[in-house]
C-alpha atoms as a PDB file:
ATOM      1  CA  UNK A   1     -65.775  -6.996 -34.533  1.00  0.00           C
ATOM      2  CA  UNK A   2     -65.261  -3.857 -36.815  1.00  0.00           C
ATOM      3  CA  UNK A   3     -61.650  -2.989 -37.021  1.00  0.00           C
ATOM      4  CA  UNK A   4     -61.114   0.622 -36.655  1.00  0.00           C
ATOM      5  CA  UNK A   5     -59.021   3.098 -38.765  1.00  0.00           C
ATOM      6  CA  UNK A   6     -56.298   2.937 -35.848  1.00  0.00           C
ATOM      7  CA  UNK A   7     -56.016  -1.006 -36.074  1.00  0.00           C
ATOM      8  CA  UNK A   8     -55.682  -0.878 -39.644  1.00  0.00           C
ATOM      9  CA  UNK A   9     -52.891   1.847 -39.819  1.00  0.00           C
ATOM     10  CA  UNK A  10     -51.169  -0.072 -37.171  1.00  0.00           C
ATOM     11  CA  UNK A  11     -51.175  -3.263 -39.064  1.00  0.00           C
ATOM     12  CA  UNK A  12     -49.922  -1.547 -42.242  1.00  0.00           C
ATOM     13  CA  UNK A  13     -46.972  -0.114 -40.462  1.00  0.00           C
ATOM     14  CA  UNK A  14     -46.323  -3.461 -38.880  1.00  0.00           C
ATOM     15  CA  UNK A  15     -46.159  -5.088 -42.450  1.00  0.00           C
ATOM     16  CA  UNK A  16     -44.258  -2.457 -43.489  1.00  0.00           C
ATOM     17  CA  UNK A  17     -41.632  -2.666 -40.826  1.00  0.00           C
ATOM     18  CA  UNK A  18     -41.456  -6.303 -41.425  1.00  0.00           C
ATOM     19  CA  UNK A  19     -40.728  -6.011 -45.150  1.00  0.00           C
ATOM     20  CA  UNK A  20     -37.996  -3.277 -44.516  1.00  0.00           C
ATOM     21  CA  UNK A  21     -36.610  -5.741 -41.996  1.00  0.00           C
ATOM     22  CA  UNK A  22     -36.751  -8.611 -44.496  1.00  0.00           C
ATOM     23  CA  UNK A  23     -35.177  -6.248 -47.326  1.00  0.00           C
ATOM     24  CA  UNK A  24     -32.316  -5.145 -44.759  1.00  0.00           C
ATOM     25  CA  UNK A  25     -31.529  -9.094 -44.228  1.00  0.00           C
ATOM     26  CA  UNK A  26     -31.945  -9.869 -47.986  1.00  0.00           C
ATOM     27  CA  UNK A  27     -29.450  -7.326 -48.698  1.00  0.00           C
ATOM     28  CA  UNK A  28     -27.016  -8.678 -46.317  1.00  0.00           C
ATOM     29  CA  UNK A  29     -27.501 -12.072 -47.645  1.00  0.00           C
ATOM     30  CA  UNK A  30     -26.772 -10.904 -50.999  1.00  0.00           C
ATOM     31  CA  UNK A  31     -23.489  -9.139 -49.755  1.00  0.00           C
ATOM     32  CA  UNK A  32     -22.673 -12.545 -48.100  1.00  0.00           C
ATOM     33  CA  UNK A  33     -22.737 -14.506 -51.068  1.00  0.00           C
ATOM     34  CA  UNK A  34     -21.616 -11.793 -53.604  1.00  0.00           C
ATOM     35  CA  UNK A  35     -18.206 -13.892 -54.085  1.00  0.00           C
ATOM     36  CA  UNK A  36     -19.892 -16.907 -54.591  1.00  0.00           C
ATOM     37  CA  UNK A  37     -20.570 -18.379 -58.265  1.00  0.00           C
ATOM     38  CA  UNK A  38     -23.933 -19.593 -59.211  1.00  0.00           C
ATOM     39  CA  UNK A  39     -24.167 -23.358 -59.958  1.00  0.00           C
ATOM     40  CA  UNK A  40     -24.213 -22.780 -63.664  1.00  0.00           C
ATOM     41  CA  UNK A  41     -21.282 -20.385 -63.894  1.00  0.00           C
ATOM     42  CA  UNK A  42     -18.745 -23.116 -63.167  1.00  0.00           C
ATOM     43  CA  UNK A  43     -20.494 -25.212 -65.898  1.00  0.00           C
ATOM     44  CA  UNK A  44     -20.222 -22.127 -68.315  1.00  0.00           C
ATOM     45  CA  UNK A  45     -16.461 -21.374 -67.704  1.00  0.00           C
ATOM     46  CA  UNK A  46     -15.649 -25.394 -67.737  1.00  0.00           C
ATOM     47  CA  UNK A  47     -17.277 -25.442 -71.185  1.00  0.00           C
ATOM     48  CA  UNK A  48     -20.096 -28.273 -69.729  1.00  0.00           C
ATOM     49  CA  UNK A  49     -23.813 -28.256 -70.728  1.00  0.00           C
ATOM     50  CA  UNK A  50     -26.156 -26.162 -68.439  1.00  0.00           C
ATOM     51  CA  UNK A  51     -28.459 -27.890 -66.088  1.00  0.00           C
ATOM     52  CA  UNK A  52     -31.212 -25.250 -67.503  1.00  0.00           C
ATOM     53  CA  UNK A  53     -34.068 -27.731 -67.783  1.00  0.00           C
ATOM     54  CA  UNK A  54     -33.360 -29.030 -64.281  1.00  0.00           C
ATOM     55  CA  UNK A  55     -32.979 -25.781 -62.476  1.00  0.00           C
ATOM     56  CA  UNK A  56     -35.136 -23.333 -64.345  1.00  0.00           C
ATOM     57  CA  UNK A  57     -37.371 -25.450 -66.730  1.00  0.00           C
ATOM     58  CA  UNK A  58     -38.723 -27.366 -63.746  1.00  0.00           C
ATOM     59  CA  UNK A  59     -39.985 -24.078 -62.014  1.00  0.00           C
ATOM     60  CA  UNK A  60     -41.855 -23.183 -65.286  1.00  0.00           C
ATOM     61  CA  UNK A  61     -43.309 -26.664 -65.516  1.00  0.00           C
ATOM     62  CA  UNK A  62     -44.430 -26.430 -61.892  1.00  0.00           C
ATOM     63  CA  UNK A  63     -45.962 -23.059 -62.528  1.00  0.00           C
ATOM     64  CA  UNK A  64     -48.009 -24.395 -65.565  1.00  0.00           C
ATOM     65  CA  UNK A  65     -49.312 -27.282 -63.361  1.00  0.00           C
ATOM     66  CA  UNK A  66     -50.382 -24.989 -60.587  1.00  0.00           C
ATOM     67  CA  UNK A  67     -51.670 -22.365 -62.900  1.00  0.00           C
ATOM     68  CA  UNK A  68     -49.441 -19.624 -61.778  1.00  0.00           C
ATOM     69  CA  UNK A  69     -47.925 -17.377 -64.372  1.00  0.00           C
ATOM     70  CA  UNK A  70     -43.998 -17.421 -64.414  1.00  0.00           C
ATOM     71  CA  UNK A  71     -43.202 -14.317 -66.681  1.00  0.00           C
ATOM     72  CA  UNK A  72     -39.953 -13.332 -64.899  1.00  0.00           C
ATOM     73  CA  UNK A  73     -38.561 -17.157 -64.868  1.00  0.00           C
ATOM     74  CA  UNK A  74     -39.641 -17.538 -68.541  1.00  0.00           C
ATOM     75  CA  UNK A  75     -37.561 -14.542 -69.472  1.00  0.00           C
ATOM     76  CA  UNK A  76     -34.622 -15.716 -67.766  1.00  0.00           C
ATOM     77  CA  UNK A  77     -35.057 -19.265 -69.255  1.00  0.00           C
ATOM     78  CA  UNK A  78     -35.123 -17.730 -72.860  1.00  0.00           C
ATOM     79  CA  UNK A  79     -31.925 -15.568 -72.105  1.00  0.00           C
ATOM     80  CA  UNK A  80     -30.288 -18.393 -70.715  1.00  0.00           C
ATOM     81  CA  UNK A  81     -31.218 -20.703 -73.460  1.00  0.00           C
ATOM     82  CA  UNK A  82     -30.053 -17.999 -75.950  1.00  0.00           C
ATOM     83  CA  UNK A  83     -26.575 -17.721 -74.115  1.00  0.00           C
ATOM     84  CA  UNK A  84     -26.474 -21.682 -74.204  1.00  0.00           C
ATOM     85  CA  UNK A  85     -26.905 -21.790 -77.965  1.00  0.00           C
ATOM     86  CA  UNK A  86     -24.048 -19.186 -78.311  1.00  0.00           C
ATOM     87  CA  UNK A  87     -22.093 -21.336 -76.094  1.00  0.00           C
ATOM     88  CA  UNK A  88     -22.614 -24.453 -78.058  1.00  0.00           C
ATOM     89  CA  UNK A  89     -21.701 -22.377 -81.574  1.00  0.00           C
ATOM     90  CA  UNK A  90     -18.586 -21.450 -79.577  1.00  0.00           C
ATOM     91  CA  UNK A  91     -17.530 -24.829 -78.858  1.00  0.00           C
ATOM     92  CA  UNK A  92     -18.261 -24.891 -75.357  1.00  0.00           C
ATOM     93  CA  UNK A  93     -16.284 -21.586 -74.689  1.00  0.00           C
ATOM     94  CA  UNK A  94     -17.354 -18.402 -73.759  1.00  0.00           C
ATOM     95  CA  UNK A  95     -15.205 -15.339 -72.700  1.00  0.00           C
ATOM     96  CA  UNK A  96     -16.928 -13.894 -69.755  1.00  0.00           C
ATOM     97  CA  UNK A  97     -16.576 -10.253 -69.366  1.00  0.00           C
ATOM     98  CA  UNK A  98     -16.316  -9.084 -65.867  1.00  0.00           C
ATOM     99  CA  UNK A  99     -18.354  -5.560 -65.402  1.00  0.00           C
END
């Protein structure tokens, strides 16, 4: 059966509405966890090694295996690796500046 223009418009509006609901829910979720620390931050604060390979490197590897590009996570990995190198150079302590 051929889809009519009206059918396609109704579907598009429904999808946009669903995306708006998702975005609103995600924003609410972000506010709810704003006071939480990521799992790596306590490691940085305590001078412990980061679990970068287990948390981020694994995602990159899975992307490679599945043939899915992961440019954003690779950029995050690279930036975090640089932070870890600085962290090591500072003998396990970094002064974190709050925005």
